[in-house]
């Protein structure tokens, strides 16, 4: 098993959370909603109810398939669970403009999706 290098730490509610060089959690069990809020705040992002819908959807997807979805499966899952308007890349790009699959997975405490640069 490959070891993940620790690049920095995030202090959340008196706990220290290790992050890898790309800002993903080193230990997925460290995730809490407060960790997501702290990661988002570092980026100047405020998580709204719409963000949380996607983060919750991602965490459920990960529980079911043991992987974080890349963009296409994320769009499909959002459409199936949240309806056609929210299951569009434009909706996800509005919420996570940089790279929806990568940013949302990081905030949801999941590994970087495969096939994401």
C-alpha atoms as a PDB file:
ATOM      1  CA  UNK A   1       0.000   0.000   0.000  1.00  0.00           C
ATOM      2  CA  UNK A   2       1.376   3.407  -0.968  1.00  0.00           C
ATOM      3  CA  UNK A   3       1.933   5.925   1.754  1.00  0.00           C
ATOM      4  CA  UNK A   4       0.466   9.374   1.399  1.00  0.00           C
ATOM      5  CA  UNK A   5       2.735  12.271   2.179  1.00  0.00           C
ATOM      6  CA  UNK A   6       1.466  14.901   4.559  1.00  0.00           C
ATOM      7  CA  UNK A   7       1.861  18.424   3.245  1.00  0.00           C
ATOM      8  CA  UNK A   8       0.104  20.398   5.954  1.00  0.00           C
ATOM      9  CA  UNK A   9      -2.408  20.302   8.760  1.00  0.00           C
ATOM     10  CA  UNK A  10      -5.758  21.948   9.292  1.00  0.00           C
ATOM     11  CA  UNK A  11      -6.921  22.829  12.797  1.00  0.00           C
ATOM     12  CA  UNK A  12     -10.647  22.219  13.212  1.00  0.00           C
ATOM     13  CA  UNK A  13     -12.384  22.469  16.562  1.00  0.00           C
ATOM     14  CA  UNK A  14      -9.255  21.628  18.526  1.00  0.00           C
ATOM     15  CA  UNK A  15      -8.383  18.685  16.256  1.00  0.00           C
ATOM     16  CA  UNK A  16      -5.497  18.543  13.822  1.00  0.00           C
ATOM     17  CA  UNK A  17      -6.379  17.094  10.409  1.00  0.00           C
ATOM     18  CA  UNK A  18      -3.568  16.019   8.050  1.00  0.00           C
ATOM     19  CA  UNK A  19      -3.832  16.987   4.369  1.00  0.00           C
ATOM     20  CA  UNK A  20      -1.871  15.658   1.409  1.00  0.00           C
ATOM     21  CA  UNK A  21      -0.049  17.990  -1.030  1.00  0.00           C
ATOM     22  CA  UNK A  22      -3.273  18.568  -3.016  1.00  0.00           C
ATOM     23  CA  UNK A  23      -5.384  19.336   0.064  1.00  0.00           C
ATOM     24  CA  UNK A  24      -7.172  15.976   0.309  1.00  0.00           C
ATOM     25  CA  UNK A  25      -7.522  14.296   3.696  1.00  0.00           C
ATOM     26  CA  UNK A  26      -4.798  11.816   4.532  1.00  0.00           C
ATOM     27  CA  UNK A  27      -7.235   9.870   6.737  1.00  0.00           C
ATOM     28  CA  UNK A  28     -10.788   9.826   5.341  1.00  0.00           C
ATOM     29  CA  UNK A  29     -12.115   9.139   8.858  1.00  0.00           C
ATOM     30  CA  UNK A  30     -11.031  12.672   9.870  1.00  0.00           C
ATOM     31  CA  UNK A  31     -13.880  14.173   7.834  1.00  0.00           C
ATOM     32  CA  UNK A  32     -16.705  16.026   9.559  1.00  0.00           C
ATOM     33  CA  UNK A  33     -18.987  18.779   8.302  1.00  0.00           C
ATOM     34  CA  UNK A  34     -16.767  21.198  10.257  1.00  0.00           C
ATOM     35  CA  UNK A  35     -13.729  19.980   8.287  1.00  0.00           C
ATOM     36  CA  UNK A  36     -15.622  20.637   5.035  1.00  0.00           C
ATOM     37  CA  UNK A  37     -16.495  24.142   6.234  1.00  0.00           C
ATOM     38  CA  UNK A  38     -12.860  24.812   7.206  1.00  0.00           C
ATOM     39  CA  UNK A  39     -11.548  23.575   3.846  1.00  0.00           C
ATOM     40  CA  UNK A  40     -14.116  25.714   2.027  1.00  0.00           C
ATOM     41  CA  UNK A  41     -13.288  28.773   4.145  1.00  0.00           C
ATOM     42  CA  UNK A  42      -9.600  28.420   3.217  1.00  0.00           C
ATOM     43  CA  UNK A  43     -10.680  28.885  -0.404  1.00  0.00           C
ATOM     44  CA  UNK A  44     -12.988  31.791   0.389  1.00  0.00           C
ATOM     45  CA  UNK A  45     -16.012  29.587  -0.287  1.00  0.00           C
ATOM     46  CA  UNK A  46     -19.189  29.463   1.805  1.00  0.00           C
ATOM     47  CA  UNK A  47     -21.046  26.173   1.593  1.00  0.00           C
ATOM     48  CA  UNK A  48     -24.737  26.609   0.818  1.00  0.00           C
ATOM     49  CA  UNK A  49     -27.532  24.028   0.915  1.00  0.00           C
ATOM     50  CA  UNK A  50     -26.860  23.345  -2.784  1.00  0.00           C
ATOM     51  CA  UNK A  51     -23.193  22.613  -2.057  1.00  0.00           C
ATOM     52  CA  UNK A  52     -24.209  20.259   0.754  1.00  0.00           C
ATOM     53  CA  UNK A  53     -26.567  18.366  -1.583  1.00  0.00           C
ATOM     54  CA  UNK A  54     -23.588  17.561  -3.795  1.00  0.00           C
ATOM     55  CA  UNK A  55     -21.255  16.766  -0.895  1.00  0.00           C
ATOM     56  CA  UNK A  56     -23.828  14.401   0.616  1.00  0.00           C
ATOM     57  CA  UNK A  57     -24.420  12.803  -2.784  1.00  0.00           C
ATOM     58  CA  UNK A  58     -20.662  12.266  -3.195  1.00  0.00           C
ATOM     59  CA  UNK A  59     -20.302  10.698   0.231  1.00  0.00           C
ATOM     60  CA  UNK A  60     -23.187   8.315  -0.527  1.00  0.00           C
ATOM     61  CA  UNK A  61     -21.667   7.472  -3.938  1.00  0.00           C
ATOM     62  CA  UNK A  62     -18.362   6.695  -2.197  1.00  0.00           C
ATOM     63  CA  UNK A  63     -20.071   4.467   0.390  1.00  0.00           C
ATOM     64  CA  UNK A  64     -21.757   2.546  -2.394  1.00  0.00           C
ATOM     65  CA  UNK A  65     -18.947   2.265  -4.974  1.00  0.00           C
ATOM     66  CA  UNK A  66     -15.792   2.880  -2.880  1.00  0.00           C
ATOM     67  CA  UNK A  67     -14.596   5.563  -5.272  1.00  0.00           C
ATOM     68  CA  UNK A  68     -15.172   9.257  -5.838  1.00  0.00           C
ATOM     69  CA  UNK A  69     -16.862   9.868  -9.188  1.00  0.00           C
ATOM     70  CA  UNK A  70     -15.241  11.771 -12.036  1.00  0.00           C
ATOM     71  CA  UNK A  71     -17.337  14.468 -13.745  1.00  0.00           C
ATOM     72  CA  UNK A  72     -19.576  12.291 -15.944  1.00  0.00           C
ATOM     73  CA  UNK A  73     -20.671   9.880 -13.222  1.00  0.00           C
ATOM     74  CA  UNK A  74     -21.123  12.856 -10.870  1.00  0.00           C
ATOM     75  CA  UNK A  75     -23.447  14.597 -13.346  1.00  0.00           C
ATOM     76  CA  UNK A  76     -25.394  11.357 -13.856  1.00  0.00           C
ATOM     77  CA  UNK A  77     -25.726  10.696 -10.109  1.00  0.00           C
ATOM     78  CA  UNK A  78     -26.812  14.297  -9.460  1.00  0.00           C
ATOM     79  CA  UNK A  79     -29.462  14.020 -12.171  1.00  0.00           C
ATOM     80  CA  UNK A  80     -30.781  10.748 -10.774  1.00  0.00           C
ATOM     81  CA  UNK A  81     -30.907  11.910  -7.150  1.00  0.00           C
ATOM     82  CA  UNK A  82     -31.514  15.657  -7.393  1.00  0.00           C
ATOM     83  CA  UNK A  83     -33.412  16.007 -10.664  1.00  0.00           C
ATOM     84  CA  UNK A  84     -32.560  17.121 -14.202  1.00  0.00           C
ATOM     85  CA  UNK A  85     -31.853  20.776 -13.370  1.00  0.00           C
ATOM     86  CA  UNK A  86     -29.214  19.883 -10.786  1.00  0.00           C
ATOM     87  CA  UNK A  87     -27.889  17.019 -12.861  1.00  0.00           C
ATOM     88  CA  UNK A  88     -26.234  19.321 -15.344  1.00  0.00           C
ATOM     89  CA  UNK A  89     -22.569  20.242 -15.647  1.00  0.00           C
ATOM     90  CA  UNK A  90     -23.518  23.931 -15.667  1.00  0.00           C
ATOM     91  CA  UNK A  91     -25.084  23.610 -12.213  1.00  0.00           C
ATOM     92  CA  UNK A  92     -21.992  21.834 -10.857  1.00  0.00           C
ATOM     93  CA  UNK A  93     -19.654  24.363 -12.506  1.00  0.00           C
ATOM     94  CA  UNK A  94     -21.584  27.190 -10.841  1.00  0.00           C
ATOM     95  CA  UNK A  95     -21.107  25.569  -7.433  1.00  0.00           C
ATOM     96  CA  UNK A  96     -17.512  24.416  -7.911  1.00  0.00           C
ATOM     97  CA  UNK A  97     -16.131  26.477 -10.823  1.00  0.00           C
ATOM     98  CA  UNK A  98     -12.560  25.207 -10.733  1.00  0.00           C
ATOM     99  CA  UNK A  99     -13.278  21.493 -11.225  1.00  0.00           C
ATOM    100  CA  UNK A 100     -16.528  20.171  -9.750  1.00  0.00           C
ATOM    101  CA  UNK A 101     -15.520  16.526  -9.316  1.00  0.00           C
ATOM    102  CA  UNK A 102     -12.144  17.321  -7.724  1.00  0.00           C
ATOM    103  CA  UNK A 103     -13.164  20.235  -5.519  1.00  0.00           C
ATOM    104  CA  UNK A 104     -16.386  18.633  -4.301  1.00  0.00           C
ATOM    105  CA  UNK A 105     -14.609  15.330  -3.550  1.00  0.00           C
ATOM    106  CA  UNK A 106     -11.945  17.169  -1.531  1.00  0.00           C
ATOM    107  CA  UNK A 107     -14.564  19.096   0.450  1.00  0.00           C
ATOM    108  CA  UNK A 108     -16.542  15.869   0.978  1.00  0.00           C
ATOM    109  CA  UNK A 109     -13.446  14.268   2.494  1.00  0.00           C
ATOM    110  CA  UNK A 110     -12.987  11.778  -0.326  1.00  0.00           C
ATOM    111  CA  UNK A 111      -9.936  10.793  -2.375  1.00  0.00           C
ATOM    112  CA  UNK A 112      -9.223  12.565  -5.642  1.00  0.00           C
ATOM    113  CA  UNK A 113     -11.430  11.069  -8.358  1.00  0.00           C
ATOM    114  CA  UNK A 114      -9.630   8.872 -10.874  1.00  0.00           C
ATOM    115  CA  UNK A 115      -9.261  10.386 -14.349  1.00  0.00           C
ATOM    116  CA  UNK A 116      -9.172  13.910 -12.915  1.00  0.00           C
ATOM    117  CA  UNK A 117      -6.059  15.930 -13.618  1.00  0.00           C
END
